[in-house]
C-alpha atoms as a PDB file:
ATOM      1  CA  UNK A   1      -0.843  -3.457 -23.104  1.00  0.00           C
ATOM      2  CA  UNK A   2       0.147  -1.811 -19.723  1.00  0.00           C
ATOM      3  CA  UNK A   3      -1.439  -1.495 -16.297  1.00  0.00           C
ATOM      4  CA  UNK A   4      -3.345   1.760 -16.070  1.00  0.00           C
ATOM      5  CA  UNK A   5      -4.877   1.578 -12.662  1.00  0.00           C
ATOM      6  CA  UNK A   6      -5.656  -0.838  -9.820  1.00  0.00           C
ATOM      7  CA  UNK A   7      -7.320  -0.310  -6.465  1.00  0.00           C
ATOM      8  CA  UNK A   8      -7.091  -1.215  -2.892  1.00  0.00           C
ATOM      9  CA  UNK A   9     -10.012  -1.067  -0.583  1.00  0.00           C
ATOM     10  CA  UNK A  10      -9.358   1.202   2.453  1.00  0.00           C
ATOM     11  CA  UNK A  11     -11.427   2.209   5.513  1.00  0.00           C
ATOM     12  CA  UNK A  12     -10.816   5.940   5.014  1.00  0.00           C
ATOM     13  CA  UNK A  13      -9.540   7.170   1.577  1.00  0.00           C
ATOM     14  CA  UNK A  14      -8.289  10.532   2.979  1.00  0.00           C
ATOM     15  CA  UNK A  15      -6.385   8.869   5.827  1.00  0.00           C
ATOM     16  CA  UNK A  16      -5.054   6.343   3.312  1.00  0.00           C
ATOM     17  CA  UNK A  17      -3.915   9.122   1.000  1.00  0.00           C
ATOM     18  CA  UNK A  18      -2.059  10.677   3.871  1.00  0.00           C
ATOM     19  CA  UNK A  19      -0.349   7.424   4.794  1.00  0.00           C
ATOM     20  CA  UNK A  20       0.502   6.421   1.183  1.00  0.00           C
ATOM     21  CA  UNK A  21       1.906   9.885   0.284  1.00  0.00           C
ATOM     22  CA  UNK A  22       3.246  11.182   3.590  1.00  0.00           C
ATOM     23  CA  UNK A  23       4.651   7.879   5.042  1.00  0.00           C
ATOM     24  CA  UNK A  24       5.290   5.619   2.093  1.00  0.00           C
ATOM     25  CA  UNK A  25       6.396   8.363  -0.313  1.00  0.00           C
ATOM     26  CA  UNK A  26       3.951   7.869  -3.122  1.00  0.00           C
ATOM     27  CA  UNK A  27       2.893  10.936  -5.222  1.00  0.00           C
ATOM     28  CA  UNK A  28      -0.701  12.152  -5.393  1.00  0.00           C
ATOM     29  CA  UNK A  29      -2.150  11.603  -8.908  1.00  0.00           C
ATOM     30  CA  UNK A  30      -5.605  12.845  -8.031  1.00  0.00           C
ATOM     31  CA  UNK A  31      -7.206  14.130  -4.846  1.00  0.00           C
ATOM     32  CA  UNK A  32     -10.884  15.104  -4.883  1.00  0.00           C
ATOM     33  CA  UNK A  33     -11.877  15.188  -1.195  1.00  0.00           C
ATOM     34  CA  UNK A  34     -15.361  16.366  -2.028  1.00  0.00           C
ATOM     35  CA  UNK A  35     -15.880  13.060  -3.806  1.00  0.00           C
ATOM     36  CA  UNK A  36     -13.838  10.941  -1.404  1.00  0.00           C
ATOM     37  CA  UNK A  37     -11.545  10.117  -4.395  1.00  0.00           C
ATOM     38  CA  UNK A  38      -7.842   9.674  -4.022  1.00  0.00           C
ATOM     39  CA  UNK A  39      -5.313   8.087  -6.454  1.00  0.00           C
ATOM     40  CA  UNK A  40      -1.672   7.820  -5.791  1.00  0.00           C
ATOM     41  CA  UNK A  41       1.243   6.725  -8.079  1.00  0.00           C
ATOM     42  CA  UNK A  42       4.874   5.741  -7.842  1.00  0.00           C
ATOM     43  CA  UNK A  43       7.139   8.553  -6.716  1.00  0.00           C
ATOM     44  CA  UNK A  44       8.575  10.638  -9.564  1.00  0.00           C
ATOM     45  CA  UNK A  45      11.940   9.295 -10.728  1.00  0.00           C
ATOM     46  CA  UNK A  46      11.384   5.880  -9.122  1.00  0.00           C
ATOM     47  CA  UNK A  47      11.628   4.154 -12.447  1.00  0.00           C
ATOM     48  CA  UNK A  48       8.036   2.893 -12.070  1.00  0.00           C
ATOM     49  CA  UNK A  49       5.221   3.214 -14.599  1.00  0.00           C
ATOM     50  CA  UNK A  50       2.423   5.639 -14.577  1.00  0.00           C
ATOM     51  CA  UNK A  51      -0.231   3.289 -13.166  1.00  0.00           C
ATOM     52  CA  UNK A  52      -2.466   4.782 -10.518  1.00  0.00           C
ATOM     53  CA  UNK A  53      -3.507   3.149  -7.278  1.00  0.00           C
ATOM     54  CA  UNK A  54      -7.081   4.064  -6.357  1.00  0.00           C
ATOM     55  CA  UNK A  55      -7.623   4.143  -2.636  1.00  0.00           C
ATOM     56  CA  UNK A  56     -11.096   2.823  -2.832  1.00  0.00           C
ATOM     57  CA  UNK A  57     -13.625   3.333  -0.070  1.00  0.00           C
ATOM     58  CA  UNK A  58     -14.740   0.073   1.496  1.00  0.00           C
ATOM     59  CA  UNK A  59     -18.167   1.422   2.133  1.00  0.00           C
ATOM     60  CA  UNK A  60     -19.992  -1.387   0.327  1.00  0.00           C
ATOM     61  CA  UNK A  61     -20.525  -4.869   1.829  1.00  0.00           C
ATOM     62  CA  UNK A  62     -18.491  -6.691  -0.913  1.00  0.00           C
ATOM     63  CA  UNK A  63     -15.469  -4.364  -0.620  1.00  0.00           C
ATOM     64  CA  UNK A  64     -15.589  -4.439   3.163  1.00  0.00           C
ATOM     65  CA  UNK A  65     -15.926  -8.145   3.401  1.00  0.00           C
ATOM     66  CA  UNK A  66     -12.919  -8.626   1.001  1.00  0.00           C
ATOM     67  CA  UNK A  67     -10.694  -6.138   2.816  1.00  0.00           C
ATOM     68  CA  UNK A  68     -11.616  -7.474   6.236  1.00  0.00           C
ATOM     69  CA  UNK A  69     -11.283 -11.107   5.162  1.00  0.00           C
ATOM     70  CA  UNK A  70      -7.707 -10.576   3.815  1.00  0.00           C
ATOM     71  CA  UNK A  71      -6.705  -8.579   6.962  1.00  0.00           C
ATOM     72  CA  UNK A  72      -8.176 -11.141   9.344  1.00  0.00           C
ATOM     73  CA  UNK A  73      -6.277 -13.878   7.550  1.00  0.00           C
ATOM     74  CA  UNK A  74      -3.068 -11.895   7.619  1.00  0.00           C
ATOM     75  CA  UNK A  75      -2.815 -11.849   3.770  1.00  0.00           C
ATOM     76  CA  UNK A  76      -1.370  -8.837   2.002  1.00  0.00           C
ATOM     77  CA  UNK A  77      -3.788  -7.046  -0.248  1.00  0.00           C
ATOM     78  CA  UNK A  78      -1.025  -5.659  -2.483  1.00  0.00           C
ATOM     79  CA  UNK A  79       2.742  -6.003  -3.059  1.00  0.00           C
ATOM     80  CA  UNK A  80       5.136  -3.138  -3.548  1.00  0.00           C
ATOM     81  CA  UNK A  81       8.628  -3.598  -4.991  1.00  0.00           C
ATOM     82  CA  UNK A  82      11.480  -1.884  -3.225  1.00  0.00           C
ATOM     83  CA  UNK A  83      15.202  -2.011  -3.852  1.00  0.00           C
ATOM     84  CA  UNK A  84      16.071  -2.732  -0.299  1.00  0.00           C
ATOM     85  CA  UNK A  85      13.484  -4.321   2.047  1.00  0.00           C
ATOM     86  CA  UNK A  86      15.659  -3.993   5.165  1.00  0.00           C
ATOM     87  CA  UNK A  87      16.253  -0.246   4.584  1.00  0.00           C
ATOM     88  CA  UNK A  88      12.517   0.337   4.027  1.00  0.00           C
ATOM     89  CA  UNK A  89      11.680  -1.684   7.083  1.00  0.00           C
ATOM     90  CA  UNK A  90      14.015   0.422   9.175  1.00  0.00           C
ATOM     91  CA  UNK A  91      12.742   3.624   7.631  1.00  0.00           C
ATOM     92  CA  UNK A  92       9.124   2.826   8.120  1.00  0.00           C
ATOM     93  CA  UNK A  93       9.508   1.345  11.575  1.00  0.00           C
ATOM     94  CA  UNK A  94      11.174   4.659  12.657  1.00  0.00           C
ATOM     95  CA  UNK A  95       7.923   6.337  11.393  1.00  0.00           C
ATOM     96  CA  UNK A  96       5.776   4.085  13.546  1.00  0.00           C
ATOM     97  CA  UNK A  97       4.596   1.667  10.827  1.00  0.00           C
ATOM     98  CA  UNK A  98       3.809  -1.744  12.260  1.00  0.00           C
ATOM     99  CA  UNK A  99       5.091  -4.930  10.622  1.00  0.00           C
ATOM    100  CA  UNK A 100       4.068  -8.503  11.073  1.00  0.00           C
ATOM    101  CA  UNK A 101       7.733  -9.301  11.683  1.00  0.00           C
ATOM    102  CA  UNK A 102      11.281  -8.640  10.546  1.00  0.00           C
ATOM    103  CA  UNK A 103      12.109  -8.945   6.824  1.00  0.00           C
ATOM    104  CA  UNK A 104      12.595 -12.543   5.787  1.00  0.00           C
ATOM    105  CA  UNK A 105      14.339 -14.264   2.916  1.00  0.00           C
ATOM    106  CA  UNK A 106      13.000 -17.099   0.882  1.00  0.00           C
ATOM    107  CA  UNK A 107      13.455 -18.657  -2.486  1.00  0.00           C
ATOM    108  CA  UNK A 108      11.272 -15.884  -3.970  1.00  0.00           C
ATOM    109  CA  UNK A 109      13.347 -13.127  -2.397  1.00  0.00           C
ATOM    110  CA  UNK A 110      13.288 -10.776   0.623  1.00  0.00           C
ATOM    111  CA  UNK A 111      10.055  -9.482   1.876  1.00  0.00           C
ATOM    112  CA  UNK A 112       8.317  -7.913   4.897  1.00  0.00           C
ATOM    113  CA  UNK A 113       4.587  -7.317   5.571  1.00  0.00           C
ATOM    114  CA  UNK A 114       3.291  -4.128   7.175  1.00  0.00           C
ATOM    115  CA  UNK A 115      -0.078  -2.849   8.308  1.00  0.00           C
ATOM    116  CA  UNK A 116      -1.171   0.320   6.467  1.00  0.00           C
ATOM    117  CA  UNK A 117      -3.489   1.313   9.283  1.00  0.00           C
ATOM    118  CA  UNK A 118      -6.291   1.567   6.671  1.00  0.00           C
ATOM    119  CA  UNK A 119      -7.420  -2.012   6.794  1.00  0.00           C
ATOM    120  CA  UNK A 120      -4.729  -3.746   4.854  1.00  0.00           C
ATOM    121  CA  UNK A 121      -1.535  -5.639   5.063  1.00  0.00           C
ATOM    122  CA  UNK A 122       0.997  -4.593   2.420  1.00  0.00           C
ATOM    123  CA  UNK A 123       3.973  -6.747   1.389  1.00  0.00           C
ATOM    124  CA  UNK A 124       7.243  -5.117   0.448  1.00  0.00           C
ATOM    125  CA  UNK A 125       9.254  -7.274  -1.876  1.00  0.00           C
ATOM    126  CA  UNK A 126      12.857  -6.644  -2.838  1.00  0.00           C
ATOM    127  CA  UNK A 127      13.214  -6.006  -6.586  1.00  0.00           C
END
Protein backbone atom coordinates (compact mmCIF):
# COMPACT_ATOMS: atom_id res chain seq x y z
CA UNK A 1 0.00 0.00 0.00
CA UNK A 2 1.21 3.52 -0.74
CA UNK A 3 -0.07 7.03 -0.40
CA UNK A 4 -1.77 8.09 -3.64
CA UNK A 5 -3.15 11.52 -2.78
CA UNK A 6 -3.89 13.75 0.17
CA UNK A 7 -5.36 17.22 0.31
CA UNK A 8 -4.96 20.54 2.02
CA UNK A 9 -7.77 23.09 2.18
CA UNK A 10 -6.82 26.46 0.70
CA UNK A 11 -8.59 29.79 0.28
CA UNK A 12 -7.77 30.07 -3.44
CA UNK A 13 -6.59 26.93 -5.30
CA UNK A 14 -5.10 28.91 -8.22
CA UNK A 15 -3.09 31.15 -5.88
CA UNK A 16 -2.06 28.10 -3.84
CA UNK A 17 -0.88 26.37 -7.03
CA UNK A 18 1.24 29.42 -7.84
CA UNK A 19 2.76 29.40 -4.34
CA UNK A 20 3.36 25.66 -4.13
CA UNK A 21 4.92 25.45 -7.62
CA UNK A 22 6.50 28.90 -8.03
CA UNK A 23 7.82 29.46 -4.49
CA UNK A 24 8.11 26.02 -2.89
CA UNK A 25 9.20 24.22 -6.07
CA UNK A 26 6.59 21.49 -6.34
CA UNK A 27 5.68 20.21 -9.81
CA UNK A 28 2.19 20.54 -11.23
CA UNK A 29 0.52 17.14 -11.53
CA UNK A 30 -2.82 18.49 -12.77
CA UNK A 31 -4.16 21.98 -13.39
CA UNK A 32 -7.74 22.44 -14.54
CA UNK A 33 -8.51 26.11 -13.88
CA UNK A 34 -11.98 25.79 -15.39
CA UNK A 35 -12.82 23.34 -12.59
CA UNK A 36 -10.77 25.10 -9.87
CA UNK A 37 -8.76 21.87 -9.60
CA UNK A 38 -5.04 21.87 -8.91
CA UNK A 39 -2.83 18.98 -7.80
CA UNK A 40 0.91 19.27 -7.14
CA UNK A 41 3.57 16.65 -6.44
CA UNK A 42 7.13 16.39 -5.22
CA UNK A 43 9.66 17.96 -7.58
CA UNK A 44 11.07 15.55 -10.18
CA UNK A 45 14.22 13.88 -8.93
CA UNK A 46 13.56 14.72 -5.28
CA UNK A 47 13.45 11.07 -4.35
CA UNK A 48 9.86 11.42 -3.23
CA UNK A 49 6.97 9.28 -4.28
CA UNK A 50 4.30 10.04 -6.80
CA UNK A 51 1.63 11.05 -4.29
CA UNK A 52 -0.37 14.10 -5.25
CA UNK A 53 -1.34 16.99 -3.01
CA UNK A 54 -4.81 18.28 -3.88
CA UNK A 55 -5.12 22.00 -3.24
CA UNK A 56 -8.72 21.74 -2.13
CA UNK A 57 -11.01 24.76 -2.15
CA UNK A 58 -12.24 25.64 1.33
CA UNK A 59 -15.56 26.81 -0.05
CA UNK A 60 -17.63 24.57 2.19
CA UNK A 61 -18.32 25.26 5.88
CA UNK A 62 -16.58 22.10 7.13
CA UNK A 63 -13.38 22.66 5.13
CA UNK A 64 -13.31 26.35 5.98
CA UNK A 65 -13.85 25.75 9.70
CA UNK A 66 -11.09 23.13 9.76
CA UNK A 67 -8.60 25.30 7.86
CA UNK A 68 -9.37 28.43 9.88
CA UNK A 69 -9.34 26.54 13.19
CA UNK A 70 -5.88 25.13 12.57
CA UNK A 71 -4.54 28.49 11.39
CA UNK A 72 -6.04 30.39 14.32
CA UNK A 73 -4.42 27.91 16.72
CA UNK A 74 -1.06 28.17 14.92
CA UNK A 75 -1.08 24.45 14.07
CA UNK A 76 0.51 23.27 10.82
CA UNK A 77 -1.94 21.63 8.42
CA UNK A 78 0.80 19.55 6.78
CA UNK A 79 4.48 18.66 7.19
CA UNK A 80 7.02 18.62 4.35
CA UNK A 81 10.36 16.87 4.66
CA UNK A 82 13.48 18.76 3.59
CA UNK A 83 17.14 17.85 3.75
CA UNK A 84 18.18 21.16 5.34
CA UNK A 85 15.59 23.23 7.20
CA UNK A 86 17.96 26.17 7.73
CA UNK A 87 18.75 26.39 3.99
CA UNK A 88 15.05 26.22 3.07
CA UNK A 89 14.25 28.84 5.70
CA UNK A 90 16.86 31.18 4.19
CA UNK A 91 15.74 30.50 0.61
CA UNK A 92 12.05 31.01 1.35
CA UNK A 93 12.55 34.03 3.61
CA UNK A 94 14.44 35.68 0.73
CA UNK A 95 11.34 35.08 -1.41
CA UNK A 96 9.11 36.82 1.14
CA UNK A 97 7.66 33.75 2.86
CA UNK A 98 6.67 34.46 6.45
CA UNK A 99 7.69 32.03 9.22
CA UNK A 100 6.43 31.75 12.79
CA UNK A 101 10.06 31.96 13.91
CA UNK A 102 13.58 30.74 13.22
CA UNK A 103 14.19 27.02 12.73
CA UNK A 104 14.35 25.15 16.02
CA UNK A 105 15.87 21.88 17.11
CA UNK A 106 14.22 19.40 19.40
CA UNK A 107 14.26 15.70 20.19
CA UNK A 108 12.26 15.02 17.02
CA UNK A 109 14.65 16.97 14.78
CA UNK A 110 14.90 20.42 13.22
CA UNK A 111 11.79 22.21 12.02
CA UNK A 112 10.35 25.58 11.05
CA UNK A 113 6.75 26.63 10.44
CA UNK A 114 5.77 28.96 7.60
CA UNK A 115 2.55 30.58 6.46
CA UNK A 116 1.60 29.53 2.92
CA UNK A 117 -0.52 32.67 2.46
CA UNK A 118 -3.41 30.41 1.42
CA UNK A 119 -4.86 29.81 4.88
CA UNK A 120 -2.36 27.30 6.31
CA UNK A 121 0.73 26.94 8.37
CA UNK A 122 3.15 24.40 6.91
CA UNK A 123 5.90 22.73 8.92
CA UNK A 124 9.25 21.98 7.32
CA UNK A 125 11.00 19.07 9.00
CA UNK A 126 14.55 17.99 8.37
CA UNK A 127 14.72 14.46 6.92
